[in-house]
Amino acid sequence: MYDQKNFTLNNTEAYLFKGGLWNKNTSLKIVRDFRDRSDWAVRVEESCYETDIKAFTVDFVLEKSKFENIDIFKIDIEGSEKQIFSKKASIDFLKKTKCIAIEIHKEFDCNKDIITILENYGFELTYFGELTIGINQKLIENKL
């Protein structure tokens, strides 16, 4: 749960979106066929019906929040990263992203595609545990 009051009380400039990231603005549904089907092992997929679970593109979130760039983009969304980086998605947000830390779930067979996309957008990649960390060399100034 989130509470707008927490951000207001702390004088934090935050924009809250109740939903997930996807390749288009849509509705999602919960599917419980992920991994060992434990309570925590859930994933989402697009719903053909209107639901309470909303999904937004990264571009939509940037537009609504009026942010011009992303300093650090941390993504751990249990397989939905495949949707954000799919051929259907706009990935222009990568041109505005300085650093990305993403957990790429191998079960969704998108690891190579995402890494290729990040490298093509100028990200120098390193790996730390389950995270793929990328620094956009086109946006980081070398101050040596």
N, C-alpha and C. Protein backbone atom coordinates (compact mmCIF):
# COMPACT_ATOMS: atom_id res chain seq x y z
N MET A 1 0.84 -1.19 0.00
CA MET A 1 0.00 0.00 0.00
C MET A 1 0.88 1.25 0.00
N TYR A 2 0.36 2.27 -0.55
CA TYR A 2 1.07 3.54 -0.55
C TYR A 2 0.15 4.57 0.09
N ASP A 3 0.73 5.62 0.57
CA ASP A 3 -0.04 6.67 1.22
C ASP A 3 0.55 8.01 0.81
N GLN A 4 -0.20 8.77 0.05
CA GLN A 4 0.25 10.08 -0.43
C GLN A 4 0.67 10.98 0.73
N LYS A 5 0.03 10.82 1.89
CA LYS A 5 0.37 11.66 3.05
C LYS A 5 1.83 11.51 3.46
N ASN A 6 2.38 10.30 3.34
CA ASN A 6 3.78 10.10 3.71
C ASN A 6 4.71 10.97 2.88
N PHE A 7 4.43 11.09 1.62
CA PHE A 7 5.27 11.91 0.76
C PHE A 7 5.05 13.39 1.04
N THR A 8 3.83 13.77 1.29
CA THR A 8 3.51 15.17 1.60
C THR A 8 4.18 15.60 2.90
N LEU A 9 4.08 14.77 3.93
CA LEU A 9 4.67 15.09 5.23
C LEU A 9 6.19 15.23 5.15
N ASN A 10 6.81 14.50 4.26
CA ASN A 10 8.26 14.55 4.12
C ASN A 10 8.72 15.53 3.05
N ASN A 11 7.80 16.33 2.54
CA ASN A 11 8.11 17.29 1.48
C ASN A 11 8.84 16.62 0.31
N THR A 12 8.41 15.44 -0.04
CA THR A 12 9.01 14.69 -1.13
C THR A 12 8.19 14.89 -2.39
N GLU A 13 8.87 15.23 -3.47
CA GLU A 13 8.17 15.36 -4.74
C GLU A 13 8.05 13.97 -5.34
N ALA A 14 6.86 13.39 -5.23
CA ALA A 14 6.64 12.04 -5.73
C ALA A 14 5.30 11.98 -6.45
N TYR A 15 5.27 11.16 -7.46
CA TYR A 15 4.04 10.91 -8.21
C TYR A 15 3.74 9.43 -8.09
N LEU A 16 2.56 9.12 -7.60
CA LEU A 16 2.20 7.73 -7.36
C LEU A 16 1.27 7.23 -8.45
N PHE A 17 1.59 6.08 -8.97
CA PHE A 17 0.76 5.43 -9.99
C PHE A 17 0.41 4.06 -9.45
N LYS A 18 -0.86 3.83 -9.21
CA LYS A 18 -1.29 2.53 -8.70
C LYS A 18 -1.43 1.60 -9.90
N GLY A 19 -0.38 0.84 -10.15
CA GLY A 19 -0.37 -0.05 -11.30
C GLY A 19 1.04 -0.53 -11.59
N GLY A 20 1.18 -1.18 -12.71
CA GLY A 20 2.47 -1.73 -13.10
C GLY A 20 2.94 -1.15 -14.41
N LEU A 21 4.14 -1.54 -14.81
CA LEU A 21 4.70 -1.10 -16.09
C LEU A 21 4.44 -2.16 -17.14
N TRP A 22 4.16 -1.71 -18.36
CA TRP A 22 3.81 -2.62 -19.45
C TRP A 22 4.18 -1.95 -20.77
N ASN A 23 3.90 -2.60 -21.89
CA ASN A 23 4.23 -2.02 -23.20
C ASN A 23 3.15 -1.09 -23.73
N LYS A 24 2.03 -0.99 -23.01
CA LYS A 24 0.96 -0.04 -23.36
C LYS A 24 0.11 0.19 -22.12
N ASN A 25 -0.68 1.25 -22.14
CA ASN A 25 -1.60 1.51 -21.05
C ASN A 25 -2.78 0.55 -21.21
N THR A 26 -3.01 -0.29 -20.20
CA THR A 26 -4.01 -1.35 -20.33
C THR A 26 -4.42 -1.84 -18.95
N SER A 27 -5.22 -2.89 -18.93
CA SER A 27 -5.58 -3.59 -17.70
C SER A 27 -4.86 -4.93 -17.68
N LEU A 28 -4.53 -5.37 -16.47
CA LEU A 28 -3.84 -6.64 -16.29
C LEU A 28 -4.65 -7.57 -15.40
N LYS A 29 -4.29 -8.84 -15.44
CA LYS A 29 -4.87 -9.81 -14.52
C LYS A 29 -3.74 -10.64 -13.92
N ILE A 30 -3.99 -11.13 -12.72
CA ILE A 30 -3.00 -11.94 -12.01
C ILE A 30 -3.12 -13.39 -12.48
N VAL A 31 -1.96 -13.99 -12.73
CA VAL A 31 -1.89 -15.40 -13.13
C VAL A 31 -0.99 -16.11 -12.13
N ARG A 32 -1.43 -17.24 -11.63
CA ARG A 32 -0.68 -17.95 -10.58
C ARG A 32 -0.03 -19.23 -11.10
N ASP A 33 0.57 -19.16 -12.27
CA ASP A 33 1.25 -20.33 -12.83
C ASP A 33 2.76 -20.15 -12.88
N PHE A 34 3.27 -19.20 -12.12
CA PHE A 34 4.68 -18.83 -12.16
C PHE A 34 5.49 -19.68 -11.19
N ARG A 35 6.61 -20.15 -11.65
CA ARG A 35 7.58 -20.93 -10.86
C ARG A 35 6.90 -22.09 -10.14
N ASP A 36 6.97 -22.13 -8.80
CA ASP A 36 6.42 -23.26 -8.06
C ASP A 36 4.98 -23.03 -7.59
N ARG A 37 4.37 -21.97 -8.08
CA ARG A 37 2.98 -21.62 -7.76
C ARG A 37 2.76 -21.31 -6.28
N SER A 38 3.81 -20.93 -5.59
CA SER A 38 3.67 -20.49 -4.20
C SER A 38 2.90 -19.19 -4.16
N ASP A 39 2.49 -18.78 -2.96
CA ASP A 39 1.73 -17.53 -2.82
C ASP A 39 2.46 -16.34 -3.43
N TRP A 40 3.78 -16.32 -3.31
CA TRP A 40 4.56 -15.19 -3.81
C TRP A 40 4.85 -15.30 -5.31
N ALA A 41 4.63 -16.48 -5.88
CA ALA A 41 5.01 -16.73 -7.27
C ALA A 41 3.86 -16.38 -8.22
N VAL A 42 3.68 -15.10 -8.43
CA VAL A 42 2.61 -14.65 -9.33
C VAL A 42 3.22 -13.84 -10.47
N ARG A 43 2.48 -13.77 -11.52
CA ARG A 43 2.85 -12.91 -12.64
C ARG A 43 1.56 -12.26 -13.13
N VAL A 44 1.71 -11.33 -14.05
CA VAL A 44 0.53 -10.67 -14.62
C VAL A 44 0.57 -10.82 -16.13
N GLU A 45 -0.60 -10.72 -16.73
CA GLU A 45 -0.70 -10.68 -18.18
C GLU A 45 -1.84 -9.74 -18.53
N GLU A 46 -1.85 -9.31 -19.78
CA GLU A 46 -2.88 -8.38 -20.22
C GLU A 46 -4.25 -9.04 -20.15
N SER A 47 -5.22 -8.28 -19.71
CA SER A 47 -6.59 -8.76 -19.63
C SER A 47 -7.39 -8.21 -20.79
N CYS A 48 -8.29 -9.01 -21.32
CA CYS A 48 -9.16 -8.50 -22.39
C CYS A 48 -10.36 -7.76 -21.81
N TYR A 49 -10.45 -7.73 -20.48
CA TYR A 49 -11.51 -7.01 -19.78
C TYR A 49 -10.91 -5.91 -18.92
N GLU A 50 -11.70 -4.91 -18.61
CA GLU A 50 -11.28 -3.85 -17.69
C GLU A 50 -11.13 -4.45 -16.29
N THR A 51 -9.99 -4.20 -15.64
CA THR A 51 -9.77 -4.70 -14.28
C THR A 51 -9.27 -3.56 -13.39
N ASP A 52 -9.14 -3.87 -12.10
CA ASP A 52 -8.61 -2.89 -11.15
C ASP A 52 -7.08 -2.79 -11.22
N ILE A 53 -6.45 -3.72 -11.91
CA ILE A 53 -5.00 -3.72 -12.02
C ILE A 53 -4.62 -3.00 -13.31
N LYS A 54 -4.07 -1.82 -13.16
CA LYS A 54 -3.73 -0.99 -14.32
C LYS A 54 -2.26 -1.13 -14.67
N ALA A 55 -1.98 -0.88 -15.92
CA ALA A 55 -0.59 -0.90 -16.39
C ALA A 55 -0.35 0.35 -17.23
N PHE A 56 0.88 0.84 -17.13
CA PHE A 56 1.25 2.08 -17.82
C PHE A 56 2.59 1.89 -18.52
N THR A 57 2.79 2.64 -19.58
CA THR A 57 4.10 2.66 -20.22
C THR A 57 5.03 3.57 -19.42
N VAL A 58 6.31 3.36 -19.58
CA VAL A 58 7.29 4.23 -18.93
C VAL A 58 7.13 5.65 -19.47
N ASP A 59 6.90 5.78 -20.76
CA ASP A 59 6.71 7.11 -21.36
C ASP A 59 5.51 7.83 -20.74
N PHE A 60 4.42 7.11 -20.47
CA PHE A 60 3.24 7.70 -19.85
C PHE A 60 3.58 8.23 -18.45
N VAL A 61 4.29 7.43 -17.68
CA VAL A 61 4.67 7.84 -16.32
C VAL A 61 5.56 9.08 -16.38
N LEU A 62 6.52 9.11 -17.30
CA LEU A 62 7.38 10.28 -17.44
C LEU A 62 6.58 11.52 -17.82
N GLU A 63 5.66 11.35 -18.75
CA GLU A 63 4.85 12.48 -19.21
C GLU A 63 3.98 13.03 -18.08
N LYS A 64 3.30 12.16 -17.36
CA LYS A 64 2.40 12.59 -16.29
C LYS A 64 3.15 13.19 -15.11
N SER A 65 4.34 12.69 -14.84
CA SER A 65 5.12 13.20 -13.72
C SER A 65 5.95 14.42 -14.09
N LYS A 66 6.01 14.70 -15.39
CA LYS A 66 6.77 15.83 -15.92
C LYS A 66 8.28 15.71 -15.69
N PHE A 67 8.75 14.49 -15.49
CA PHE A 67 10.19 14.27 -15.39
C PHE A 67 10.77 14.22 -16.79
N GLU A 68 11.90 14.88 -16.97
CA GLU A 68 12.54 14.90 -18.29
C GLU A 68 13.54 13.77 -18.46
N ASN A 69 14.05 13.24 -17.34
CA ASN A 69 15.00 12.14 -17.44
C ASN A 69 14.88 11.23 -16.23
N ILE A 70 15.57 10.11 -16.29
CA ILE A 70 15.59 9.14 -15.20
C ILE A 70 17.04 9.00 -14.75
N ASP A 71 17.29 9.29 -13.49
CA ASP A 71 18.66 9.13 -12.97
C ASP A 71 18.96 7.66 -12.71
N ILE A 72 18.10 6.99 -11.95
CA ILE A 72 18.27 5.57 -11.65
C ILE A 72 16.92 4.88 -11.85
N PHE A 73 16.91 3.87 -12.68
CA PHE A 73 15.68 3.12 -12.97
C PHE A 73 15.89 1.68 -12.50
N LYS A 74 15.25 1.32 -11.39
CA LYS A 74 15.37 -0.02 -10.81
C LYS A 74 14.14 -0.82 -11.22
N ILE A 75 14.36 -1.96 -11.87
CA ILE A 75 13.27 -2.78 -12.37
C ILE A 75 13.41 -4.20 -11.83
N ASP A 76 12.41 -4.64 -11.06
CA ASP A 76 12.30 -6.03 -10.62
C ASP A 76 10.82 -6.34 -10.63
N ILE A 77 10.32 -6.73 -11.78
CA ILE A 77 8.87 -6.86 -11.95
C ILE A 77 8.45 -8.25 -12.44
N GLU A 78 9.18 -9.25 -11.96
CA GLU A 78 8.81 -10.66 -12.11
C GLU A 78 8.39 -11.06 -13.52
N GLY A 79 9.17 -10.70 -14.49
CA GLY A 79 8.92 -11.13 -15.86
C GLY A 79 8.30 -10.08 -16.75
N SER A 80 7.68 -9.07 -16.17
CA SER A 80 7.05 -8.03 -16.99
C SER A 80 8.07 -7.17 -17.72
N GLU A 81 9.35 -7.32 -17.35
CA GLU A 81 10.38 -6.59 -18.09
C GLU A 81 10.36 -7.00 -19.57
N LYS A 82 9.90 -8.21 -19.83
CA LYS A 82 9.79 -8.66 -21.23
C LYS A 82 8.83 -7.76 -22.00
N GLN A 83 7.77 -7.30 -21.35
CA GLN A 83 6.79 -6.43 -22.00
C GLN A 83 7.36 -5.03 -22.23
N ILE A 84 8.07 -4.51 -21.25
CA ILE A 84 8.62 -3.15 -21.36
C ILE A 84 9.61 -3.06 -22.52
N PHE A 85 10.34 -4.14 -22.76
CA PHE A 85 11.37 -4.14 -23.80
C PHE A 85 10.93 -4.90 -25.05
N SER A 86 9.65 -5.16 -25.19
CA SER A 86 9.16 -5.91 -26.36
C SER A 86 9.15 -5.02 -27.60
N LYS A 87 8.99 -5.64 -28.75
CA LYS A 87 8.94 -4.88 -30.01
C LYS A 87 7.72 -3.99 -30.08
N LYS A 88 6.70 -4.27 -29.27
CA LYS A 88 5.48 -3.46 -29.25
C LYS A 88 5.67 -2.19 -28.42
N ALA A 89 6.70 -2.16 -27.61
CA ALA A 89 6.88 -1.08 -26.64
C ALA A 89 7.76 0.04 -27.20
N SER A 90 7.49 1.24 -26.71
CA SER A 90 8.39 2.36 -26.97
C SER A 90 9.49 2.30 -25.92
N ILE A 91 10.72 2.27 -26.36
CA ILE A 91 11.84 2.25 -25.41
C ILE A 91 12.64 3.55 -25.48
N ASP A 92 11.99 4.60 -25.94
CA ASP A 92 12.65 5.91 -26.02
C ASP A 92 13.11 6.41 -24.65
N PHE A 93 12.48 5.91 -23.58
CA PHE A 93 12.89 6.33 -22.24
C PHE A 93 14.36 6.00 -21.98
N LEU A 94 14.91 5.03 -22.69
CA LEU A 94 16.32 4.68 -22.48
C LEU A 94 17.25 5.81 -22.88
N LYS A 95 16.83 6.65 -23.83
CA LYS A 95 17.64 7.80 -24.23
C LYS A 95 17.76 8.81 -23.10
N LYS A 96 16.84 8.73 -22.12
CA LYS A 96 16.79 9.68 -21.01
C LYS A 96 17.20 9.04 -19.69
N THR A 97 17.67 7.81 -19.72
CA THR A 97 17.98 7.06 -18.50
C THR A 97 19.49 6.98 -18.31
N LYS A 98 19.97 7.49 -17.16
CA LYS A 98 21.40 7.48 -16.88
C LYS A 98 21.88 6.13 -16.37
N CYS A 99 21.10 5.53 -15.48
CA CYS A 99 21.50 4.26 -14.87
C CYS A 99 20.28 3.35 -14.79
N ILE A 100 20.47 2.09 -15.11
CA ILE A 100 19.39 1.11 -15.00
C ILE A 100 19.90 -0.09 -14.23
N ALA A 101 19.08 -0.59 -13.32
CA ALA A 101 19.38 -1.82 -12.59
C ALA A 101 18.15 -2.71 -12.77
N ILE A 102 18.34 -3.82 -13.44
CA ILE A 102 17.20 -4.65 -13.81
C ILE A 102 17.46 -6.11 -13.48
N GLU A 103 16.48 -6.73 -12.85
CA GLU A 103 16.53 -8.17 -12.65
C GLU A 103 15.79 -8.80 -13.82
N ILE A 104 16.54 -9.44 -14.69
CA ILE A 104 15.96 -10.07 -15.88
C ILE A 104 15.66 -11.53 -15.54
N HIS A 105 14.40 -11.88 -15.57
CA HIS A 105 13.98 -13.23 -15.21
C HIS A 105 14.14 -14.16 -16.41
N LYS A 106 15.04 -15.09 -16.28
CA LYS A 106 15.40 -15.98 -17.39
C LYS A 106 14.25 -16.87 -17.85
N GLU A 107 13.26 -17.10 -16.98
CA GLU A 107 12.12 -17.94 -17.35
C GLU A 107 11.33 -17.37 -18.52
N PHE A 108 11.51 -16.08 -18.78
CA PHE A 108 10.72 -15.42 -19.82
C PHE A 108 11.48 -15.25 -21.13
N ASP A 109 12.67 -15.83 -21.20
CA ASP A 109 13.44 -15.89 -22.44
C ASP A 109 13.60 -14.52 -23.12
N CYS A 110 14.02 -13.54 -22.32
CA CYS A 110 14.19 -12.19 -22.89
C CYS A 110 15.55 -11.60 -22.53
N ASN A 111 16.39 -12.36 -21.87
CA ASN A 111 17.68 -11.88 -21.38
C ASN A 111 18.54 -11.30 -22.50
N LYS A 112 18.76 -12.07 -23.55
CA LYS A 112 19.62 -11.61 -24.65
C LYS A 112 19.05 -10.38 -25.34
N ASP A 113 17.73 -10.38 -25.54
CA ASP A 113 17.09 -9.23 -26.21
C ASP A 113 17.26 -7.95 -25.41
N ILE A 114 17.03 -8.03 -24.10
CA ILE A 114 17.14 -6.84 -23.26
C ILE A 114 18.58 -6.35 -23.21
N ILE A 115 19.52 -7.25 -23.06
CA ILE A 115 20.93 -6.86 -23.03
C ILE A 115 21.34 -6.20 -24.34
N THR A 116 20.91 -6.76 -25.46
CA THR A 116 21.22 -6.17 -26.77
C THR A 116 20.64 -4.76 -26.89
N ILE A 117 19.40 -4.59 -26.46
CA ILE A 117 18.76 -3.27 -26.50
C ILE A 117 19.55 -2.27 -25.66
N LEU A 118 19.89 -2.65 -24.44
CA LEU A 118 20.63 -1.75 -23.56
C LEU A 118 21.97 -1.37 -24.17
N GLU A 119 22.68 -2.34 -24.70
CA GLU A 119 23.97 -2.04 -25.33
C GLU A 119 23.80 -1.12 -26.54
N ASN A 120 22.75 -1.34 -27.32
CA ASN A 120 22.50 -0.49 -28.49
C ASN A 120 22.16 0.95 -28.10
N TYR A 121 21.65 1.15 -26.89
CA TYR A 121 21.34 2.49 -26.40
C TYR A 121 22.51 3.11 -25.64
N GLY A 122 23.66 2.46 -25.67
CA GLY A 122 24.86 3.06 -25.08
C GLY A 122 25.13 2.70 -23.63
N PHE A 123 24.47 1.67 -23.11
CA PHE A 123 24.69 1.28 -21.72
C PHE A 123 25.89 0.34 -21.63
N GLU A 124 26.78 0.67 -20.70
CA GLU A 124 27.87 -0.23 -20.35
C GLU A 124 27.35 -1.09 -19.21
N LEU A 125 27.38 -2.41 -19.40
CA LEU A 125 26.72 -3.32 -18.47
C LEU A 125 27.71 -4.02 -17.55
N THR A 126 27.24 -4.27 -16.33
CA THR A 126 27.95 -5.10 -15.37
C THR A 126 26.90 -5.92 -14.65
N TYR A 127 27.33 -6.96 -13.98
CA TYR A 127 26.39 -7.87 -13.34
C TYR A 127 26.74 -8.02 -11.87
N PHE A 128 25.71 -7.96 -11.03
CA PHE A 128 25.89 -8.08 -9.59
C PHE A 128 24.76 -8.95 -9.07
N GLY A 129 25.08 -10.20 -8.77
CA GLY A 129 24.04 -11.13 -8.34
C GLY A 129 23.02 -11.31 -9.46
N GLU A 130 21.76 -11.10 -9.14
CA GLU A 130 20.69 -11.23 -10.14
C GLU A 130 20.49 -9.97 -10.97
N LEU A 131 21.20 -8.90 -10.62
CA LEU A 131 20.99 -7.62 -11.29
C LEU A 131 21.91 -7.43 -12.49
N THR A 132 21.33 -6.88 -13.53
CA THR A 132 22.10 -6.34 -14.65
C THR A 132 22.09 -4.83 -14.45
N ILE A 133 23.25 -4.24 -14.31
CA ILE A 133 23.36 -2.81 -14.04
C ILE A 133 23.99 -2.15 -15.26
N GLY A 134 23.33 -1.10 -15.74
CA GLY A 134 23.83 -0.40 -16.91
C GLY A 134 24.00 1.08 -16.66
N ILE A 135 25.11 1.62 -17.14
CA ILE A 135 25.38 3.05 -17.09
C ILE A 135 25.36 3.55 -18.52
N ASN A 136 24.52 4.53 -18.80
CA ASN A 136 24.38 5.08 -20.15
C ASN A 136 25.56 6.01 -20.42
N GLN A 137 26.51 5.52 -21.18
CA GLN A 137 27.73 6.26 -21.46
C GLN A 137 27.46 7.55 -22.24
N LYS A 138 26.34 7.61 -22.92
CA LYS A 138 25.99 8.82 -23.68
C LYS A 138 25.53 9.95 -22.77
N LEU A 139 25.11 9.61 -21.53
CA LEU A 139 24.58 10.63 -20.63
C LEU A 139 25.48 10.93 -19.43
N ILE A 140 26.46 10.10 -19.20
CA ILE A 140 27.35 10.30 -18.06
C ILE A 140 28.59 11.05 -18.52
N GLU A 141 28.89 12.14 -17.82
CA GLU A 141 30.07 12.94 -18.17
C GLU A 141 31.29 12.38 -17.46
N ASN A 142 32.36 12.24 -18.17
CA ASN A 142 33.63 11.84 -17.55
C ASN A 142 34.31 13.09 -17.02
N LYS A 143 34.52 13.12 -15.71
CA LYS A 143 35.15 14.29 -15.09
C LYS A 143 36.47 13.85 -14.46
N LEU A 144 37.41 13.46 -15.28
CA LEU A 144 38.71 13.01 -14.77
C LEU A 144 39.69 14.14 -14.72
